[in-house]
């Protein structure tokens, strides 16, 4: 307890620091991830989804998003925590925009949606998958959500569907 008060002015400040740390730690993980390797932008986007699926190992506590969990619990009680979590989540969304926009340009896409909106939808599916995994106490439901997300993205870009999933990033 003494260390808590020595390093942080409040519990809220600790939570904000936690969200900021989570964002930097996961940012480094995703920056080095193998989904960046394919030359084709659609294959990078699909490899991102495959990478997210591959991370779904162990119990929900081992793979769920700290920022997503924190914002679900505290969004009304603490504007500072909500903002820190929003920064973490939406900054991550921003890392996918360039690949999705390149995919839109190369493969064509309806004008009714944007690359940024698809990144937010992707995060909504993933965060929802985490909630379902927590409720079920099992990663299988989150894996299922990732597989549906992959099929959805394939359909958006009229990519060959039905490709067997290897569980590995391309």
N, C-alpha and C. Protein backbone atom coordinates (compact mmCIF):
# COMPACT_ATOMS: atom_id res chain seq x y z
N UNK A 1 0.83 -1.19 0.00
CA UNK A 1 0.00 0.00 0.00
C UNK A 1 0.87 1.25 0.00
N UNK A 2 1.96 1.24 0.74
CA UNK A 2 2.85 2.39 0.77
C UNK A 2 3.44 2.70 -0.59
N UNK A 3 3.82 1.66 -1.33
CA UNK A 3 4.39 1.85 -2.66
C UNK A 3 3.36 2.48 -3.60
N UNK A 4 2.11 2.08 -3.45
CA UNK A 4 1.04 2.64 -4.27
C UNK A 4 0.98 4.15 -4.10
N UNK A 5 0.95 4.61 -2.86
CA UNK A 5 0.84 6.05 -2.60
C UNK A 5 2.13 6.79 -2.93
N UNK A 6 3.25 6.08 -2.87
CA UNK A 6 4.53 6.71 -3.19
C UNK A 6 4.64 7.00 -4.69
N UNK A 7 4.14 6.10 -5.52
CA UNK A 7 4.31 6.23 -6.97
C UNK A 7 3.14 6.87 -7.70
N UNK A 8 1.95 6.79 -7.13
CA UNK A 8 0.77 7.30 -7.82
C UNK A 8 -0.05 8.17 -6.88
N UNK A 9 -0.54 9.27 -7.40
CA UNK A 9 -1.33 10.20 -6.59
C UNK A 9 -2.69 9.62 -6.21
N UNK A 10 -3.18 8.67 -7.02
CA UNK A 10 -4.50 8.09 -6.77
C UNK A 10 -4.62 6.74 -7.47
N UNK A 11 -5.69 6.04 -7.16
CA UNK A 11 -5.98 4.79 -7.87
C UNK A 11 -6.24 5.07 -9.34
N UNK A 12 -6.89 6.19 -9.61
CA UNK A 12 -7.15 6.58 -10.99
C UNK A 12 -5.84 6.78 -11.75
N UNK A 13 -4.87 7.44 -11.13
CA UNK A 13 -3.57 7.65 -11.77
C UNK A 13 -2.88 6.32 -12.05
N UNK A 14 -3.02 5.36 -11.16
CA UNK A 14 -2.48 4.02 -11.38
C UNK A 14 -3.15 3.37 -12.59
N UNK A 15 -4.47 3.48 -12.68
CA UNK A 15 -5.19 2.91 -13.82
C UNK A 15 -4.79 3.55 -15.13
N UNK A 16 -4.62 4.86 -15.15
CA UNK A 16 -4.19 5.56 -16.36
C UNK A 16 -2.79 5.09 -16.76
N UNK A 17 -1.90 4.98 -15.78
CA UNK A 17 -0.54 4.49 -16.07
C UNK A 17 -0.60 3.06 -16.60
N UNK A 18 -1.49 2.25 -16.05
CA UNK A 18 -1.65 0.88 -16.53
C UNK A 18 -2.11 0.84 -17.98
N UNK A 19 -3.07 1.68 -18.33
CA UNK A 19 -3.56 1.72 -19.72
C UNK A 19 -2.46 2.22 -20.66
N UNK A 20 -1.70 3.21 -20.23
CA UNK A 20 -0.61 3.72 -21.06
C UNK A 20 0.47 2.65 -21.25
N UNK A 21 0.79 1.92 -20.18
CA UNK A 21 1.77 0.84 -20.29
C UNK A 21 1.25 -0.25 -21.21
N UNK A 22 -0.01 -0.61 -21.05
CA UNK A 22 -0.62 -1.64 -21.91
C UNK A 22 -0.49 -1.23 -23.38
N UNK A 23 -0.79 0.02 -23.67
CA UNK A 23 -0.70 0.50 -25.05
C UNK A 23 0.71 0.42 -25.60
N UNK A 24 1.70 0.78 -24.80
CA UNK A 24 3.08 0.72 -25.29
C UNK A 24 3.56 -0.72 -25.42
N UNK A 25 3.20 -1.58 -24.47
CA UNK A 25 3.62 -2.98 -24.51
C UNK A 25 2.99 -3.70 -25.71
N UNK A 26 1.68 -3.56 -25.86
CA UNK A 26 1.02 -4.25 -26.97
C UNK A 26 1.38 -3.60 -28.31
N UNK A 27 1.62 -2.30 -28.29
CA UNK A 27 2.05 -1.63 -29.52
C UNK A 27 3.35 -2.23 -30.05
N UNK A 28 4.29 -2.49 -29.15
CA UNK A 28 5.55 -3.11 -29.55
C UNK A 28 5.33 -4.53 -30.06
N UNK A 29 4.45 -5.28 -29.40
CA UNK A 29 4.14 -6.64 -29.84
C UNK A 29 3.58 -6.63 -31.26
N UNK A 30 2.60 -5.78 -31.51
CA UNK A 30 1.97 -5.74 -32.82
C UNK A 30 2.90 -5.16 -33.89
N UNK A 31 3.76 -4.25 -33.51
CA UNK A 31 4.70 -3.66 -34.46
C UNK A 31 5.67 -4.71 -35.01
N UNK A 32 6.04 -5.68 -34.18
CA UNK A 32 6.99 -6.72 -34.57
C UNK A 32 6.31 -7.99 -35.09
N UNK A 33 5.01 -8.02 -35.12
CA UNK A 33 4.27 -9.23 -35.48
C UNK A 33 4.46 -9.60 -36.95
N UNK A 34 4.35 -10.89 -37.26
CA UNK A 34 4.59 -11.36 -38.62
C UNK A 34 3.53 -10.97 -39.65
N UNK A 35 2.41 -10.44 -39.22
CA UNK A 35 1.37 -10.10 -40.20
C UNK A 35 1.77 -8.95 -41.11
N UNK A 36 2.84 -8.25 -40.81
CA UNK A 36 3.31 -7.16 -41.67
C UNK A 36 4.07 -7.67 -42.90
N UNK A 37 4.44 -8.94 -42.91
CA UNK A 37 5.33 -9.48 -43.95
C UNK A 37 4.73 -9.62 -45.34
N UNK A 38 3.49 -10.05 -45.51
CA UNK A 38 2.99 -10.23 -46.88
C UNK A 38 3.03 -8.94 -47.69
N UNK A 39 3.36 -9.07 -48.97
CA UNK A 39 3.39 -7.91 -49.85
C UNK A 39 1.99 -7.40 -50.17
N UNK A 40 1.05 -8.32 -50.28
CA UNK A 40 -0.33 -7.97 -50.63
C UNK A 40 -1.05 -7.40 -49.40
N UNK A 41 -1.68 -6.22 -49.53
CA UNK A 41 -2.32 -5.62 -48.36
C UNK A 41 -3.47 -6.45 -47.78
N UNK A 42 -4.25 -7.12 -48.64
CA UNK A 42 -5.32 -7.97 -48.13
C UNK A 42 -4.74 -9.11 -47.31
N UNK A 43 -3.66 -9.68 -47.79
CA UNK A 43 -3.04 -10.77 -47.03
C UNK A 43 -2.50 -10.27 -45.69
N UNK A 44 -2.05 -9.02 -45.62
CA UNK A 44 -1.62 -8.45 -44.33
C UNK A 44 -2.80 -8.31 -43.39
N UNK A 45 -3.93 -7.84 -43.91
CA UNK A 45 -5.12 -7.68 -43.06
C UNK A 45 -5.59 -9.04 -42.55
N UNK A 46 -5.65 -10.02 -43.44
CA UNK A 46 -6.07 -11.36 -43.03
C UNK A 46 -5.05 -11.98 -42.06
N UNK A 47 -3.77 -11.72 -42.29
CA UNK A 47 -2.74 -12.22 -41.38
C UNK A 47 -2.86 -11.56 -40.00
N UNK A 48 -3.28 -10.30 -39.96
CA UNK A 48 -3.54 -9.64 -38.68
C UNK A 48 -4.63 -10.40 -37.91
N UNK A 49 -5.72 -10.72 -38.59
CA UNK A 49 -6.81 -11.45 -37.93
C UNK A 49 -6.31 -12.82 -37.48
N UNK A 50 -5.53 -13.49 -38.32
CA UNK A 50 -4.97 -14.78 -37.94
C UNK A 50 -4.05 -14.65 -36.73
N UNK A 51 -3.28 -13.56 -36.68
CA UNK A 51 -2.40 -13.32 -35.54
C UNK A 51 -3.22 -13.12 -34.26
N UNK A 52 -4.28 -12.34 -34.37
CA UNK A 52 -5.15 -12.14 -33.20
C UNK A 52 -5.74 -13.46 -32.74
N UNK A 53 -6.12 -14.30 -33.69
CA UNK A 53 -6.66 -15.62 -33.36
C UNK A 53 -5.59 -16.46 -32.65
N UNK A 54 -4.37 -16.41 -33.14
CA UNK A 54 -3.28 -17.20 -32.55
C UNK A 54 -2.97 -16.76 -31.12
N UNK A 55 -3.26 -15.52 -30.79
CA UNK A 55 -3.02 -15.02 -29.42
C UNK A 55 -4.02 -15.56 -28.40
N UNK A 56 -5.08 -16.17 -28.87
CA UNK A 56 -6.16 -16.64 -27.99
C UNK A 56 -5.79 -17.99 -27.37
N UNK A 57 -4.80 -17.97 -26.51
CA UNK A 57 -4.30 -19.17 -25.85
C UNK A 57 -4.49 -19.03 -24.35
N UNK A 58 -4.82 -20.11 -23.69
CA UNK A 58 -4.95 -20.10 -22.24
C UNK A 58 -6.31 -19.60 -21.79
N UNK A 59 -6.33 -19.06 -20.59
CA UNK A 59 -7.57 -18.55 -20.02
C UNK A 59 -7.83 -17.13 -20.52
N UNK A 60 -9.07 -16.67 -20.46
CA UNK A 60 -9.35 -15.30 -20.89
C UNK A 60 -8.47 -14.25 -20.20
N UNK A 61 -8.12 -14.46 -18.95
CA UNK A 61 -7.26 -13.50 -18.26
C UNK A 61 -5.89 -13.38 -18.92
N UNK A 62 -5.49 -14.42 -19.64
CA UNK A 62 -4.18 -14.42 -20.29
C UNK A 62 -4.18 -13.74 -21.66
N UNK A 63 -5.34 -13.56 -22.28
CA UNK A 63 -5.34 -12.98 -23.62
C UNK A 63 -6.26 -11.78 -23.79
N UNK A 64 -7.07 -11.46 -22.81
CA UNK A 64 -7.99 -10.33 -22.95
C UNK A 64 -7.26 -9.00 -22.86
N UNK A 65 -7.90 -7.98 -23.36
CA UNK A 65 -7.34 -6.64 -23.45
C UNK A 65 -7.58 -5.87 -22.14
N UNK A 66 -6.50 -5.44 -21.52
CA UNK A 66 -6.59 -4.67 -20.28
C UNK A 66 -7.38 -3.38 -20.51
N UNK A 67 -7.06 -2.67 -21.57
CA UNK A 67 -7.74 -1.39 -21.83
C UNK A 67 -9.22 -1.60 -22.09
N UNK A 68 -9.56 -2.65 -22.83
CA UNK A 68 -10.97 -2.94 -23.10
C UNK A 68 -11.73 -3.29 -21.84
N UNK A 69 -11.11 -4.11 -20.99
CA UNK A 69 -11.75 -4.49 -19.73
C UNK A 69 -11.92 -3.27 -18.83
N UNK A 70 -10.87 -2.46 -18.72
CA UNK A 70 -10.91 -1.29 -17.85
C UNK A 70 -11.97 -0.29 -18.30
N UNK A 71 -12.05 -0.03 -19.59
CA UNK A 71 -13.03 0.95 -20.07
C UNK A 71 -14.45 0.43 -19.90
N UNK A 72 -14.66 -0.88 -20.02
CA UNK A 72 -16.00 -1.43 -19.80
C UNK A 72 -16.46 -1.19 -18.37
N UNK A 73 -15.54 -1.27 -17.45
CA UNK A 73 -15.88 -1.13 -16.03
C UNK A 73 -15.93 0.32 -15.56
N UNK A 74 -15.11 1.19 -16.15
CA UNK A 74 -14.89 2.51 -15.56
C UNK A 74 -15.27 3.70 -16.45
N UNK A 75 -15.87 3.46 -17.60
CA UNK A 75 -16.08 4.56 -18.55
C UNK A 75 -16.91 5.71 -17.98
N UNK A 76 -17.87 5.40 -17.10
CA UNK A 76 -18.68 6.47 -16.52
C UNK A 76 -18.05 7.08 -15.28
N UNK A 77 -17.34 6.27 -14.53
CA UNK A 77 -16.80 6.72 -13.25
C UNK A 77 -15.56 7.59 -13.38
N UNK A 78 -14.80 7.42 -14.46
CA UNK A 78 -13.53 8.13 -14.57
C UNK A 78 -13.26 8.56 -16.01
N UNK A 79 -13.47 9.83 -16.30
CA UNK A 79 -13.15 10.32 -17.64
C UNK A 79 -11.67 10.13 -18.00
N UNK A 80 -10.78 10.25 -17.03
CA UNK A 80 -9.35 10.08 -17.30
C UNK A 80 -9.04 8.65 -17.72
N UNK A 81 -9.63 7.67 -17.04
CA UNK A 81 -9.43 6.27 -17.43
C UNK A 81 -10.06 5.98 -18.79
N UNK A 82 -11.26 6.51 -19.02
CA UNK A 82 -11.91 6.31 -20.32
C UNK A 82 -11.04 6.87 -21.44
N UNK A 83 -10.50 8.06 -21.25
CA UNK A 83 -9.66 8.68 -22.27
C UNK A 83 -8.37 7.90 -22.50
N UNK A 84 -7.75 7.42 -21.42
CA UNK A 84 -6.52 6.63 -21.56
C UNK A 84 -6.78 5.34 -22.32
N UNK A 85 -7.89 4.69 -22.01
CA UNK A 85 -8.26 3.45 -22.70
C UNK A 85 -8.63 3.72 -24.15
N UNK A 86 -9.36 4.80 -24.39
CA UNK A 86 -9.73 5.17 -25.76
C UNK A 86 -8.49 5.42 -26.60
N UNK A 87 -7.52 6.11 -26.03
CA UNK A 87 -6.27 6.36 -26.75
C UNK A 87 -5.60 5.05 -27.13
N UNK A 88 -5.52 4.14 -26.18
CA UNK A 88 -4.90 2.84 -26.41
C UNK A 88 -5.63 2.08 -27.53
N UNK A 89 -6.92 1.99 -27.43
CA UNK A 89 -7.71 1.20 -28.39
C UNK A 89 -7.72 1.86 -29.77
N UNK A 90 -8.00 3.16 -29.83
CA UNK A 90 -8.10 3.82 -31.13
C UNK A 90 -6.74 4.03 -31.79
N UNK A 91 -5.67 4.17 -30.99
CA UNK A 91 -4.33 4.22 -31.59
C UNK A 91 -4.02 2.89 -32.27
N UNK A 92 -4.43 1.79 -31.64
CA UNK A 92 -4.22 0.49 -32.27
C UNK A 92 -5.03 0.39 -33.56
N UNK A 93 -6.26 0.86 -33.55
CA UNK A 93 -7.06 0.88 -34.78
C UNK A 93 -6.31 1.61 -35.89
N UNK A 94 -5.68 2.70 -35.53
CA UNK A 94 -4.96 3.50 -36.51
C UNK A 94 -3.84 2.77 -37.21
N UNK A 95 -3.29 1.75 -36.55
CA UNK A 95 -2.19 1.00 -37.17
C UNK A 95 -2.66 0.14 -38.34
N UNK A 96 -3.96 -0.09 -38.45
CA UNK A 96 -4.50 -0.95 -39.51
C UNK A 96 -5.05 -0.17 -40.70
N UNK A 97 -5.24 1.12 -40.54
CA UNK A 97 -5.91 1.93 -41.57
C UNK A 97 -5.16 1.87 -42.90
N UNK A 98 -3.85 2.02 -42.88
CA UNK A 98 -3.08 2.06 -44.13
C UNK A 98 -3.23 0.76 -44.92
N UNK A 99 -3.14 -0.39 -44.25
CA UNK A 99 -3.29 -1.67 -44.95
C UNK A 99 -4.70 -1.85 -45.49
N UNK A 100 -5.69 -1.45 -44.71
CA UNK A 100 -7.07 -1.61 -45.18
C UNK A 100 -7.35 -0.66 -46.34
N UNK A 101 -6.84 0.55 -46.27
CA UNK A 101 -7.04 1.49 -47.39
C UNK A 101 -6.34 0.99 -48.64
N UNK A 102 -5.14 0.44 -48.49
CA UNK A 102 -4.43 -0.14 -49.65
C UNK A 102 -5.23 -1.31 -50.23
N UNK A 103 -5.86 -2.08 -49.37
CA UNK A 103 -6.70 -3.19 -49.83
C UNK A 103 -7.91 -2.66 -50.58
N UNK A 104 -8.52 -1.61 -50.06
CA UNK A 104 -9.67 -0.99 -50.74
C UNK A 104 -9.26 -0.53 -52.14
N UNK A 105 -8.09 0.09 -52.24
CA UNK A 105 -7.63 0.60 -53.54
C UNK A 105 -7.33 -0.54 -54.51
N UNK A 106 -6.71 -1.60 -54.01
CA UNK A 106 -6.30 -2.70 -54.87
C UNK A 106 -7.46 -3.62 -55.27
N UNK A 107 -8.37 -3.87 -54.33
CA UNK A 107 -9.44 -4.84 -54.57
C UNK A 107 -10.80 -4.20 -54.82
N UNK A 108 -10.90 -2.91 -54.59
CA UNK A 108 -12.19 -2.24 -54.72
C UNK A 108 -13.04 -2.48 -53.49
N UNK A 109 -13.90 -1.53 -53.21
CA UNK A 109 -14.76 -1.65 -52.03
C UNK A 109 -15.93 -0.70 -52.19
N UNK A 110 -17.01 -1.02 -51.51
CA UNK A 110 -18.16 -0.13 -51.48
C UNK A 110 -17.75 1.21 -50.88
N UNK A 111 -18.38 2.25 -51.33
CA UNK A 111 -18.08 3.58 -50.82
C UNK A 111 -18.76 3.87 -49.48
N UNK A 112 -19.61 2.98 -49.02
CA UNK A 112 -20.39 3.26 -47.81
C UNK A 112 -19.60 3.08 -46.53
N UNK A 113 -18.40 2.55 -46.61
CA UNK A 113 -17.59 2.39 -45.41
C UNK A 113 -16.16 2.84 -45.69
N UNK A 114 -15.43 3.10 -44.62
CA UNK A 114 -14.05 3.57 -44.74
C UNK A 114 -13.11 2.57 -44.09
N UNK A 115 -11.83 2.73 -44.37
CA UNK A 115 -10.82 1.89 -43.73
C UNK A 115 -10.87 2.08 -42.21
N UNK A 116 -11.02 3.32 -41.77
CA UNK A 116 -11.08 3.58 -40.32
C UNK A 116 -12.30 2.91 -39.68
N UNK A 117 -13.43 2.91 -40.40
CA UNK A 117 -14.62 2.28 -39.81
C UNK A 117 -14.44 0.76 -39.72
N UNK A 118 -13.74 0.15 -40.68
CA UNK A 118 -13.49 -1.29 -40.60
C UNK A 118 -12.54 -1.61 -39.45
N UNK A 119 -11.58 -0.73 -39.17
CA UNK A 119 -10.70 -0.99 -38.02
C UNK A 119 -11.50 -0.96 -36.72
N UNK A 120 -12.44 -0.04 -36.62
CA UNK A 120 -13.27 0.03 -35.41
C UNK A 120 -14.17 -1.19 -35.30
N UNK A 121 -14.72 -1.64 -36.43
CA UNK A 121 -15.54 -2.86 -36.42
C UNK A 121 -14.69 -4.06 -35.98
N UNK A 122 -13.48 -4.13 -36.48
CA UNK A 122 -12.57 -5.22 -36.10
C UNK A 122 -12.34 -5.21 -34.60
N UNK A 123 -12.10 -4.03 -34.04
CA UNK A 123 -11.90 -3.95 -32.59
C UNK A 123 -13.17 -4.30 -31.83
N UNK A 124 -14.31 -3.90 -32.34
CA UNK A 124 -15.58 -4.25 -31.68
C UNK A 124 -15.77 -5.76 -31.66
N UNK A 125 -15.45 -6.43 -32.76
CA UNK A 125 -15.56 -7.89 -32.80
C UNK A 125 -14.59 -8.50 -31.79
N UNK A 126 -13.35 -8.04 -31.78
CA UNK A 126 -12.35 -8.61 -30.87
C UNK A 126 -12.72 -8.36 -29.41
N UNK A 127 -13.11 -7.13 -29.08
CA UNK A 127 -13.48 -6.83 -27.69
C UNK A 127 -14.71 -7.63 -27.28
N UNK A 128 -15.67 -7.75 -28.17
CA UNK A 128 -16.84 -8.58 -27.89
C UNK A 128 -16.47 -10.03 -27.72
N UNK A 129 -15.52 -10.50 -28.52
CA UNK A 129 -15.05 -11.88 -28.39
C UNK A 129 -14.43 -12.11 -27.02
N UNK A 130 -13.71 -11.11 -26.52
CA UNK A 130 -13.11 -11.24 -25.18
C UNK A 130 -14.20 -11.35 -24.12
N UNK A 131 -15.24 -10.54 -24.24
CA UNK A 131 -16.35 -10.59 -23.28
C UNK A 131 -17.00 -11.97 -23.31
N UNK A 132 -17.24 -12.49 -24.50
CA UNK A 132 -17.86 -13.82 -24.61
C UNK A 132 -16.95 -14.90 -24.05
N UNK A 133 -15.65 -14.79 -24.28
CA UNK A 133 -14.71 -15.77 -23.73
C UNK A 133 -14.71 -15.74 -22.21
N UNK A 134 -14.80 -14.53 -21.65
CA UNK A 134 -14.89 -14.41 -20.18
C UNK A 134 -16.17 -15.07 -19.68
N UNK A 135 -17.27 -14.81 -20.36
CA UNK A 135 -18.55 -15.38 -19.94
C UNK A 135 -18.54 -16.90 -20.04
N UNK A 136 -17.91 -17.43 -21.09
CA UNK A 136 -17.86 -18.88 -21.30
C UNK A 136 -16.73 -19.53 -20.51
N UNK A 137 -15.75 -18.72 -20.09
CA UNK A 137 -14.59 -19.28 -19.42
C UNK A 137 -13.72 -20.09 -20.36
N UNK A 138 -13.75 -19.73 -21.64
CA UNK A 138 -13.07 -20.54 -22.66
C UNK A 138 -12.73 -19.68 -23.87
N UNK A 139 -11.57 -19.91 -24.45
CA UNK A 139 -11.14 -19.16 -25.63
C UNK A 139 -11.88 -19.57 -26.90
N UNK A 140 -12.52 -20.73 -26.91
CA UNK A 140 -13.11 -21.25 -28.14
C UNK A 140 -14.10 -20.28 -28.78
N UNK A 141 -14.90 -19.61 -27.99
CA UNK A 141 -15.88 -18.68 -28.54
C UNK A 141 -15.18 -17.47 -29.17
N UNK A 142 -14.06 -17.04 -28.61
CA UNK A 142 -13.31 -15.93 -29.19
C UNK A 142 -12.65 -16.35 -30.50
N UNK A 143 -12.16 -17.58 -30.55
CA UNK A 143 -11.59 -18.12 -31.79
C UNK A 143 -12.65 -18.12 -32.88
N UNK A 144 -13.84 -18.57 -32.53
CA UNK A 144 -14.96 -18.58 -33.47
C UNK A 144 -15.25 -17.18 -34.01
N UNK A 145 -15.22 -16.18 -33.14
CA UNK A 145 -15.46 -14.79 -33.57
C UNK A 145 -14.39 -14.34 -34.55
N UNK A 146 -13.13 -14.69 -34.29
CA UNK A 146 -12.05 -14.33 -35.21
C UNK A 146 -12.23 -14.99 -36.57
N UNK A 147 -12.68 -16.23 -36.56
CA UNK A 147 -12.91 -16.93 -37.83
C UNK A 147 -14.04 -16.27 -38.62
N UNK A 148 -15.09 -15.85 -37.94
CA UNK A 148 -16.17 -15.12 -38.62
C UNK A 148 -15.68 -13.77 -39.14
N UNK A 149 -14.86 -13.08 -38.36
CA UNK A 149 -14.31 -11.80 -38.79
C UNK A 149 -13.48 -11.98 -40.06
N UNK A 150 -12.69 -13.02 -40.09
CA UNK A 150 -11.86 -13.29 -41.27
C UNK A 150 -12.74 -13.52 -42.50
N UNK A 151 -13.77 -14.34 -42.35
CA UNK A 151 -14.68 -14.59 -43.47
C UNK A 151 -15.36 -13.30 -43.93
N UNK A 152 -15.73 -12.45 -42.98
CA UNK A 152 -16.37 -11.18 -43.31
C UNK A 152 -15.44 -10.31 -44.16
N UNK A 153 -14.19 -10.20 -43.74
CA UNK A 153 -13.22 -9.39 -44.49
C UNK A 153 -12.99 -10.00 -45.88
N UNK A 154 -12.89 -11.31 -45.96
CA UNK A 154 -12.75 -11.95 -47.27
C UNK A 154 -13.93 -11.61 -48.17
N UNK A 155 -15.13 -11.62 -47.62
CA UNK A 155 -16.32 -11.30 -48.41
C UNK A 155 -16.35 -9.83 -48.83
N UNK A 156 -15.89 -8.93 -47.96
CA UNK A 156 -15.85 -7.51 -48.33
C UNK A 156 -15.02 -7.29 -49.58
N UNK A 157 -13.92 -8.04 -49.67
CA UNK A 157 -13.00 -7.84 -50.78
C UNK A 157 -13.10 -8.95 -51.83
N UNK A 158 -14.14 -9.76 -51.71
CA UNK A 158 -14.38 -10.84 -52.66
C UNK A 158 -13.16 -11.73 -52.82
N UNK A 159 -12.48 -11.96 -51.69
CA UNK A 159 -11.30 -12.84 -51.68
C UNK A 159 -11.78 -14.28 -51.70
N UNK A 160 -10.91 -15.18 -52.13
CA UNK A 160 -11.30 -16.59 -52.11
C UNK A 160 -11.65 -17.04 -50.69
N UNK A 161 -12.88 -17.46 -50.50
CA UNK A 161 -13.31 -17.92 -49.18
C UNK A 161 -13.16 -19.42 -49.09
N UNK A 162 -13.22 -19.92 -47.88
CA UNK A 162 -13.14 -21.35 -47.67
C UNK A 162 -11.71 -21.85 -47.57
N UNK A 163 -10.73 -20.96 -47.63
CA UNK A 163 -9.34 -21.38 -47.47
C UNK A 163 -9.18 -21.96 -46.08
N UNK A 164 -8.60 -23.15 -45.97
CA UNK A 164 -8.42 -23.72 -44.64
C UNK A 164 -7.56 -22.81 -43.77
N UNK A 165 -7.97 -22.63 -42.54
CA UNK A 165 -7.22 -21.82 -41.60
C UNK A 165 -6.15 -22.68 -40.96
N UNK A 166 -4.91 -22.23 -41.03
CA UNK A 166 -3.80 -23.00 -40.47
C UNK A 166 -3.52 -22.65 -39.03
N UNK A 167 -4.08 -21.54 -38.55
CA UNK A 167 -3.78 -21.08 -37.20
C UNK A 167 -2.50 -20.28 -37.14
N UNK A 168 -1.86 -20.06 -38.27
CA UNK A 168 -0.61 -19.30 -38.31
C UNK A 168 -0.81 -18.06 -39.16
N UNK A 169 -0.01 -17.05 -38.88
CA UNK A 169 -0.04 -15.84 -39.69
C UNK A 169 0.63 -16.11 -41.01
N UNK A 170 0.12 -15.48 -42.04
CA UNK A 170 0.73 -15.63 -43.37
C UNK A 170 1.99 -14.81 -43.46
